[in-house]
Amino acid sequence: MFTKKFGLAVMALLAFFCSGFVSESYVNKAIASSQENSIEKEAESKVKEIYPEFIKIVKNGANESEITAFAERNMDTVAISKRFCGAKNDKLIKTIIKFLIWRLKTEAIQTVTDYSLGDGMKSISKGKKVSVKCMLKKQATDPVEMIVTFSKNGDKLGKIVELVVVSIPLIEGARTPIKKYFEGKGIKINTIKDPAKRAQLSCDALEDFIKNHARSK
């Protein structure tokens, strides 16, 4: 009898502790979910805030002073630089901005100059990024998609690391001319470990591309 009662007591004690563990786990998950929801809403609000300035830059032909100021305020230039060469490099960022200017002047991007930002947004927080998918609308015209991706540090929203408009990655798209340049020179990108050298070669590649694909507008 004593053994049976003792066994029941142990089972009850285990059930109590398990209940506490489940409750704590549930609370932690709920907090994490709430934080993600909060940062996603913050990202959506940021998109609404910057869109008028961004579309104005596109309308004005994406001049260097405007897009540079926009980048300094709204883009995570350090994260972008590290993604391309592994370290912060100011010259590389300036060259990527030149590529961005070239990209914004393309016919495909210029088609959205008179589009407005739609109300519906979908956002997701994953890893060190938060992406916001939204629709750009124009009366009697099919909407087009825009995706804005921000960096994040824990529960703090960072700045823009990518803009995708009409399925065109405005920043990551710089990798294509860089890759072709490296291939043309017989250089394997992954063999270059020195960030400064990789940055310089990437700058050379983008400068060469922009020169050979100059736009009058």
C-alpha atoms as a PDB file:
ATOM      1  CA  MET A   1       0.000   0.000   0.000  1.00  0.00           C
ATOM      2  CA  PHE A   2       2.778   2.396   0.929  1.00  0.00           C
ATOM      3  CA  THR A   3       4.594   1.621  -2.343  1.00  0.00           C
ATOM      4  CA  LYS A   4       1.412   2.253  -4.369  1.00  0.00           C
ATOM      5  CA  LYS A   5       0.770   5.590  -2.637  1.00  0.00           C
ATOM      6  CA  PHE A   6       4.396   6.614  -3.066  1.00  0.00           C
ATOM      7  CA  GLY A   7       4.224   5.778  -6.777  1.00  0.00           C
ATOM      8  CA  LEU A   8       1.090   7.834  -7.189  1.00  0.00           C
ATOM      9  CA  ALA A   9       2.732  10.744  -5.368  1.00  0.00           C
ATOM     10  CA  VAL A  10       5.762  10.604  -7.660  1.00  0.00           C
ATOM     11  CA  MET A  11       3.517  10.522 -10.737  1.00  0.00           C
ATOM     12  CA  ALA A  12       1.573  13.506  -9.445  1.00  0.00           C
ATOM     13  CA  LEU A  13       4.793  15.414  -8.769  1.00  0.00           C
ATOM     14  CA  LEU A  14       6.079  14.640 -12.279  1.00  0.00           C
ATOM     15  CA  ALA A  15       2.785  15.753 -13.778  1.00  0.00           C
ATOM     16  CA  PHE A  16       3.072  19.039 -11.849  1.00  0.00           C
ATOM     17  CA  PHE A  17       6.589  19.713 -13.125  1.00  0.00           C
ATOM     18  CA  CYS A  18       5.658  18.712 -16.690  1.00  0.00           C
ATOM     19  CA  SER A  19       2.678  21.027 -16.529  1.00  0.00           C
ATOM     20  CA  GLY A  20       4.949  23.864 -15.432  1.00  0.00           C
ATOM     21  CA  PHE A  21       7.427  23.093 -18.215  1.00  0.00           C
ATOM     22  CA  VAL A  22       4.708  23.048 -20.869  1.00  0.00           C
ATOM     23  CA  SER A  23       3.289  26.292 -19.557  1.00  0.00           C
ATOM     24  CA  GLU A  24       6.688  27.988 -19.601  1.00  0.00           C
ATOM     25  CA  SER A  25       7.382  26.657 -23.087  1.00  0.00           C
ATOM     26  CA  TYR A  26       4.006  27.907 -24.283  1.00  0.00           C
ATOM     27  CA  VAL A  27       4.629  31.335 -22.771  1.00  0.00           C
ATOM     28  CA  ASN A  28       8.067  31.561 -24.427  1.00  0.00           C
ATOM     29  CA  LYS A  29       6.591  30.636 -27.800  1.00  0.00           C
ATOM     30  CA  ALA A  30       3.804  33.147 -27.342  1.00  0.00           C
ATOM     31  CA  ILE A  31       6.319  35.897 -26.509  1.00  0.00           C
ATOM     32  CA  ALA A  32       8.461  35.040 -29.546  1.00  0.00           C
ATOM     33  CA  SER A  33       5.385  35.027 -31.769  1.00  0.00           C
ATOM     34  CA  SER A  34       4.293  38.389 -30.379  1.00  0.00           C
ATOM     35  CA  GLN A  35       7.752  39.875 -30.997  1.00  0.00           C
ATOM     36  CA  GLU A  36       7.778  38.594 -34.572  1.00  0.00           C
ATOM     37  CA  ASN A  37       4.308  39.991 -35.182  1.00  0.00           C
ATOM     38  CA  SER A  38       5.410  43.331 -33.751  1.00  0.00           C
ATOM     39  CA  ILE A  39       8.549  43.559 -35.919  1.00  0.00           C
ATOM     40  CA  GLU A  40       6.539  42.560 -38.983  1.00  0.00           C
ATOM     41  CA  LYS A  41       4.045  45.359 -38.350  1.00  0.00           C
ATOM     42  CA  GLU A  42       6.919  47.779 -37.837  1.00  0.00           C
ATOM     43  CA  ALA A  43       8.408  46.693 -41.166  1.00  0.00           C
ATOM     44  CA  GLU A  44       5.068  47.252 -42.921  1.00  0.00           C
ATOM     45  CA  SER A  45       4.810  50.731 -41.416  1.00  0.00           C
ATOM     46  CA  LYS A  46       8.350  51.472 -42.604  1.00  0.00           C
ATOM     47  CA  VAL A  47       7.448  50.463 -46.154  1.00  0.00           C
ATOM     48  CA  LYS A  48       4.491  52.860 -46.110  1.00  0.00           C
ATOM     49  CA  GLU A  49       6.784  55.594 -44.808  1.00  0.00           C
ATOM     50  CA  ILE A  50       9.546  55.234 -47.402  1.00  0.00           C
ATOM     51  CA  TYR A  51       7.489  54.386 -50.484  1.00  0.00           C
ATOM     52  CA  PRO A  52       6.591  58.004 -51.430  1.00  0.00           C
ATOM     53  CA  GLU A  53      10.272  58.990 -51.329  1.00  0.00           C
ATOM     54  CA  PHE A  54      11.339  55.889 -53.260  1.00  0.00           C
ATOM     55  CA  ILE A  55       8.812  56.355 -56.058  1.00  0.00           C
ATOM     56  CA  LYS A  56       9.686  60.050 -56.289  1.00  0.00           C
ATOM     57  CA  ILE A  57      13.335  59.088 -56.821  1.00  0.00           C
ATOM     58  CA  VAL A  58      12.296  56.750 -59.648  1.00  0.00           C
ATOM     59  CA  LYS A  59      10.160  59.492 -61.233  1.00  0.00           C
ATOM     60  CA  ASN A  60      13.045  61.968 -61.058  1.00  0.00           C
ATOM     61  CA  GLY A  61      15.283  59.602 -63.008  1.00  0.00           C
ATOM     62  CA  ALA A  62      17.186  58.289 -59.996  1.00  0.00           C
ATOM     63  CA  ASN A  63      19.835  60.973 -59.736  1.00  0.00           C
ATOM     64  CA  GLU A  64      22.908  60.177 -57.662  1.00  0.00           C
ATOM     65  CA  SER A  65      22.405  62.688 -54.853  1.00  0.00           C
ATOM     66  CA  GLU A  66      18.829  61.574 -54.147  1.00  0.00           C
ATOM     67  CA  ILE A  67      19.489  57.850 -54.187  1.00  0.00           C
ATOM     68  CA  THR A  68      22.668  58.252 -52.110  1.00  0.00           C
ATOM     69  CA  ALA A  69      20.762  60.193 -49.453  1.00  0.00           C
ATOM     70  CA  PHE A  70      17.990  57.581 -49.534  1.00  0.00           C
ATOM     71  CA  ALA A  71      20.526  54.784 -49.130  1.00  0.00           C
ATOM     72  CA  GLU A  72      22.258  56.472 -46.204  1.00  0.00           C
ATOM     73  CA  ARG A  73      18.958  56.875 -44.356  1.00  0.00           C
ATOM     74  CA  ASN A  74      17.145  53.691 -45.249  1.00  0.00           C
ATOM     75  CA  MET A  75      19.559  50.963 -46.348  1.00  0.00           C
ATOM     76  CA  ASP A  76      21.728  48.655 -44.260  1.00  0.00           C
ATOM     77  CA  THR A  77      24.855  49.387 -46.278  1.00  0.00           C
ATOM     78  CA  VAL A  78      27.094  47.431 -43.891  1.00  0.00           C
ATOM     79  CA  ALA A  79      25.040  44.242 -44.256  1.00  0.00           C
ATOM     80  CA  ILE A  80      24.874  44.684 -48.040  1.00  0.00           C
ATOM     81  CA  SER A  81      28.621  45.205 -48.271  1.00  0.00           C
ATOM     82  CA  LYS A  82      29.335  42.140 -46.127  1.00  0.00           C
ATOM     83  CA  ARG A  83      27.021  40.077 -48.321  1.00  0.00           C
ATOM     84  CA  PHE A  84      29.053  40.947 -51.400  1.00  0.00           C
ATOM     85  CA  CYS A  85      32.636  40.910 -50.145  1.00  0.00           C
ATOM     86  CA  GLY A  86      32.545  39.782 -46.505  1.00  0.00           C
ATOM     87  CA  ALA A  87      33.363  43.128 -44.908  1.00  0.00           C
ATOM     88  CA  LYS A  88      32.299  46.770 -44.750  1.00  0.00           C
ATOM     89  CA  ASN A  89      33.624  48.569 -47.817  1.00  0.00           C
ATOM     90  CA  ASP A  90      32.537  52.130 -48.605  1.00  0.00           C
ATOM     91  CA  LYS A  91      33.804  52.089 -52.181  1.00  0.00           C
ATOM     92  CA  LEU A  92      31.820  48.959 -52.953  1.00  0.00           C
ATOM     93  CA  ILE A  93      28.655  50.506 -51.533  1.00  0.00           C
ATOM     94  CA  LYS A  94      29.123  53.621 -53.681  1.00  0.00           C
ATOM     95  CA  THR A  95      29.509  51.415 -56.741  1.00  0.00           C
ATOM     96  CA  ILE A  96      26.464  49.329 -55.844  1.00  0.00           C
ATOM     97  CA  ILE A  97      24.513  52.593 -55.553  1.00  0.00           C
ATOM     98  CA  LYS A  98      25.675  53.466 -59.088  1.00  0.00           C
ATOM     99  CA  PHE A  99      24.346  50.097 -60.233  1.00  0.00           C
ATOM    100  CA  LEU A 100      21.103  50.772 -58.374  1.00  0.00           C
ATOM    101  CA  ILE A 101      20.756  54.090 -60.213  1.00  0.00           C
ATOM    102  CA  TRP A 102      21.285  52.255 -63.510  1.00  0.00           C
ATOM    103  CA  ARG A 103      18.700  49.664 -62.541  1.00  0.00           C
ATOM    104  CA  LEU A 104      16.079  52.243 -61.531  1.00  0.00           C
ATOM    105  CA  LYS A 105      16.361  53.846 -64.971  1.00  0.00           C
ATOM    106  CA  THR A 106      15.474  50.642 -66.803  1.00  0.00           C
ATOM    107  CA  GLU A 107      12.216  50.572 -68.729  1.00  0.00           C
ATOM    108  CA  ALA A 108      10.764  47.847 -66.520  1.00  0.00           C
ATOM    109  CA  ILE A 109      11.195  49.880 -63.325  1.00  0.00           C
ATOM    110  CA  GLN A 110      10.126  53.148 -64.949  1.00  0.00           C
ATOM    111  CA  THR A 111       6.719  51.601 -65.695  1.00  0.00           C
ATOM    112  CA  VAL A 112       5.777  51.869 -62.007  1.00  0.00           C
ATOM    113  CA  THR A 113       6.402  55.614 -61.578  1.00  0.00           C
ATOM    114  CA  ASP A 114       2.682  56.371 -61.329  1.00  0.00           C
ATOM    115  CA  TYR A 115       1.706  53.339 -59.246  1.00  0.00           C
ATOM    116  CA  SER A 116       0.507  53.715 -55.672  1.00  0.00           C
ATOM    117  CA  LEU A 117       1.147  51.415 -52.731  1.00  0.00           C
ATOM    118  CA  GLY A 118      -1.764  49.053 -52.095  1.00  0.00           C
ATOM    119  CA  ASP A 119      -3.225  48.467 -48.627  1.00  0.00           C
ATOM    120  CA  GLY A 120      -2.725  44.723 -48.406  1.00  0.00           C
ATOM    121  CA  MET A 121       0.687  43.557 -47.186  1.00  0.00           C
ATOM    122  CA  LYS A 122       2.108  40.201 -46.194  1.00  0.00           C
ATOM    123  CA  SER A 123       5.213  40.023 -44.061  1.00  0.00           C
ATOM    124  CA  ILE A 124       7.394  37.308 -42.613  1.00  0.00           C
ATOM    125  CA  SER A 125      10.211  37.422 -40.091  1.00  0.00           C
ATOM    126  CA  LYS A 126      12.816  34.720 -40.560  1.00  0.00           C
ATOM    127  CA  GLY A 127      16.379  34.514 -39.312  1.00  0.00           C
ATOM    128  CA  LYS A 128      18.032  37.920 -39.506  1.00  0.00           C
ATOM    129  CA  LYS A 129      15.587  39.340 -42.057  1.00  0.00           C
ATOM    130  CA  VAL A 130      12.034  40.622 -42.320  1.00  0.00           C
ATOM    131  CA  SER A 131      10.412  40.641 -45.768  1.00  0.00           C
ATOM    132  CA  VAL A 132       7.314  42.618 -46.671  1.00  0.00           C
ATOM    133  CA  LYS A 133       5.403  41.694 -49.825  1.00  0.00           C
ATOM    134  CA  CYS A 134       3.100  44.402 -51.151  1.00  0.00           C
ATOM    135  CA  MET A 135       1.257  45.301 -54.332  1.00  0.00           C
ATOM    136  CA  LEU A 136       1.695  48.447 -56.389  1.00  0.00           C
ATOM    137  CA  LYS A 137      -1.557  49.541 -57.995  1.00  0.00           C
ATOM    138  CA  LYS A 138      -2.711  51.701 -60.867  1.00  0.00           C
ATOM    139  CA  GLN A 139      -6.275  52.242 -62.001  1.00  0.00           C
ATOM    140  CA  ALA A 140      -7.396  49.890 -64.815  1.00  0.00           C
ATOM    141  CA  THR A 141      -3.999  48.172 -64.733  1.00  0.00           C
ATOM    142  CA  ASP A 142      -2.922  44.880 -63.192  1.00  0.00           C
ATOM    143  CA  PRO A 143      -1.043  45.370 -59.918  1.00  0.00           C
ATOM    144  CA  VAL A 144       2.650  44.541 -59.692  1.00  0.00           C
ATOM    145  CA  GLU A 145       4.524  43.061 -56.756  1.00  0.00           C
ATOM    146  CA  MET A 146       7.169  44.730 -54.637  1.00  0.00           C
ATOM    147  CA  ILE A 147       9.145  43.026 -51.876  1.00  0.00           C
ATOM    148  CA  VAL A 148      11.119  45.005 -49.329  1.00  0.00           C
ATOM    149  CA  THR A 149      13.518  43.087 -47.092  1.00  0.00           C
ATOM    150  CA  PHE A 150      14.936  44.555 -43.895  1.00  0.00           C
ATOM    151  CA  SER A 151      17.739  43.328 -41.676  1.00  0.00           C
ATOM    152  CA  LYS A 152      16.926  42.661 -38.038  1.00  0.00           C
ATOM    153  CA  ASN A 153      18.828  42.212 -34.820  1.00  0.00           C
ATOM    154  CA  GLY A 154      16.822  40.209 -32.315  1.00  0.00           C
ATOM    155  CA  ASP A 155      13.532  42.053 -31.915  1.00  0.00           C
ATOM    156  CA  LYS A 156      14.886  45.276 -33.437  1.00  0.00           C
ATOM    157  CA  LEU A 157      14.131  46.174 -37.040  1.00  0.00           C
ATOM    158  CA  GLY A 158      17.107  47.190 -39.139  1.00  0.00           C
ATOM    159  CA  LYS A 159      17.277  48.836 -42.553  1.00  0.00           C
ATOM    160  CA  ILE A 160      16.668  47.715 -46.126  1.00  0.00           C
ATOM    161  CA  VAL A 161      18.932  44.997 -47.528  1.00  0.00           C
ATOM    162  CA  GLU A 162      16.932  44.297 -50.700  1.00  0.00           C
ATOM    163  CA  LEU A 163      14.232  45.758 -52.927  1.00  0.00           C
ATOM    164  CA  VAL A 164      12.490  43.627 -55.534  1.00  0.00           C
ATOM    165  CA  VAL A 165      10.191  45.422 -57.979  1.00  0.00           C
ATOM    166  CA  VAL A 166       8.359  43.633 -60.820  1.00  0.00           C
ATOM    167  CA  SER A 167      10.424  40.541 -59.962  1.00  0.00           C
ATOM    168  CA  ILE A 168      13.700  42.468 -60.438  1.00  0.00           C
ATOM    169  CA  PRO A 169      16.122  42.376 -57.467  1.00  0.00           C
ATOM    170  CA  LEU A 170      17.555  45.889 -57.402  1.00  0.00           C
ATOM    171  CA  ILE A 171      20.550  45.118 -55.170  1.00  0.00           C
ATOM    172  CA  GLU A 172      21.161  41.380 -55.447  1.00  0.00           C
ATOM    173  CA  GLY A 173      20.892  41.790 -59.224  1.00  0.00           C
ATOM    174  CA  ALA A 174      24.384  43.293 -59.137  1.00  0.00           C
ATOM    175  CA  ARG A 175      25.738  39.782 -58.696  1.00  0.00           C
ATOM    176  CA  THR A 176      24.975  38.887 -62.327  1.00  0.00           C
ATOM    177  CA  PRO A 177      27.382  41.378 -63.967  1.00  0.00           C
ATOM    178  CA  ILE A 178      29.962  40.673 -61.250  1.00  0.00           C
ATOM    179  CA  LYS A 179      29.770  36.940 -61.933  1.00  0.00           C
ATOM    180  CA  LYS A 180      30.063  37.440 -65.703  1.00  0.00           C
ATOM    181  CA  TYR A 181      33.037  39.762 -65.253  1.00  0.00           C
ATOM    182  CA  PHE A 182      34.842  37.239 -63.043  1.00  0.00           C
ATOM    183  CA  GLU A 183      34.125  34.441 -65.514  1.00  0.00           C
ATOM    184  CA  GLY A 184      35.430  36.583 -68.380  1.00  0.00           C
ATOM    185  CA  LYS A 185      38.661  37.150 -66.459  1.00  0.00           C
ATOM    186  CA  GLY A 186      38.933  33.478 -65.581  1.00  0.00           C
ATOM    187  CA  ILE A 187      38.609  34.263 -61.877  1.00  0.00           C
ATOM    188  CA  LYS A 188      36.745  31.998 -59.468  1.00  0.00           C
ATOM    189  CA  ILE A 189      34.862  34.212 -57.010  1.00  0.00           C
ATOM    190  CA  ASN A 190      34.997  31.798 -54.098  1.00  0.00           C
ATOM    191  CA  THR A 191      38.790  31.542 -54.273  1.00  0.00           C
ATOM    192  CA  ILE A 192      39.170  35.227 -53.341  1.00  0.00           C
ATOM    193  CA  LYS A 193      39.197  35.379 -49.561  1.00  0.00           C
ATOM    194  CA  ASP A 194      40.547  38.908 -49.092  1.00  0.00           C
ATOM    195  CA  PRO A 195      37.477  41.205 -48.669  1.00  0.00           C
ATOM    196  CA  ALA A 196      39.307  44.286 -49.982  1.00  0.00           C
ATOM    197  CA  LYS A 197      40.437  42.506 -53.155  1.00  0.00           C
ATOM    198  CA  ARG A 198      37.002  41.005 -53.698  1.00  0.00           C
ATOM    199  CA  ALA A 199      35.413  44.424 -53.208  1.00  0.00           C
ATOM    200  CA  GLN A 200      37.779  46.072 -55.693  1.00  0.00           C
ATOM    201  CA  LEU A 201      37.159  43.432 -58.349  1.00  0.00           C
ATOM    202  CA  SER A 202      33.405  43.733 -57.771  1.00  0.00           C
ATOM    203  CA  CYS A 203      33.684  47.504 -58.218  1.00  0.00           C
ATOM    204  CA  ASP A 204      35.642  46.988 -61.444  1.00  0.00           C
ATOM    205  CA  ALA A 205      32.948  44.611 -62.673  1.00  0.00           C
ATOM    206  CA  LEU A 206      30.061  46.976 -61.952  1.00  0.00           C
ATOM    207  CA  GLU A 207      31.871  50.020 -63.327  1.00  0.00           C
ATOM    208  CA  ASP A 208      32.611  48.088 -66.518  1.00  0.00           C
ATOM    209  CA  PHE A 209      28.993  46.970 -66.810  1.00  0.00           C
ATOM    210  CA  ILE A 210      27.559  50.459 -66.243  1.00  0.00           C
ATOM    211  CA  LYS A 211      29.990  51.959 -68.768  1.00  0.00           C
ATOM    212  CA  ASN A 212      29.021  49.410 -71.414  1.00  0.00           C
ATOM    213  CA  HIS A 213      25.299  49.775 -70.733  1.00  0.00           C
ATOM    214  CA  ALA A 214      25.082  53.536 -70.274  1.00  0.00           C
ATOM    215  CA  ARG A 215      21.641  55.154 -70.339  1.00  0.00           C
ATOM    216  CA  SER A 216      20.961  58.639 -71.566  1.00  0.00           C
ATOM    217  CA  LYS A 217      18.052  59.229 -69.180  1.00  0.00           C
END
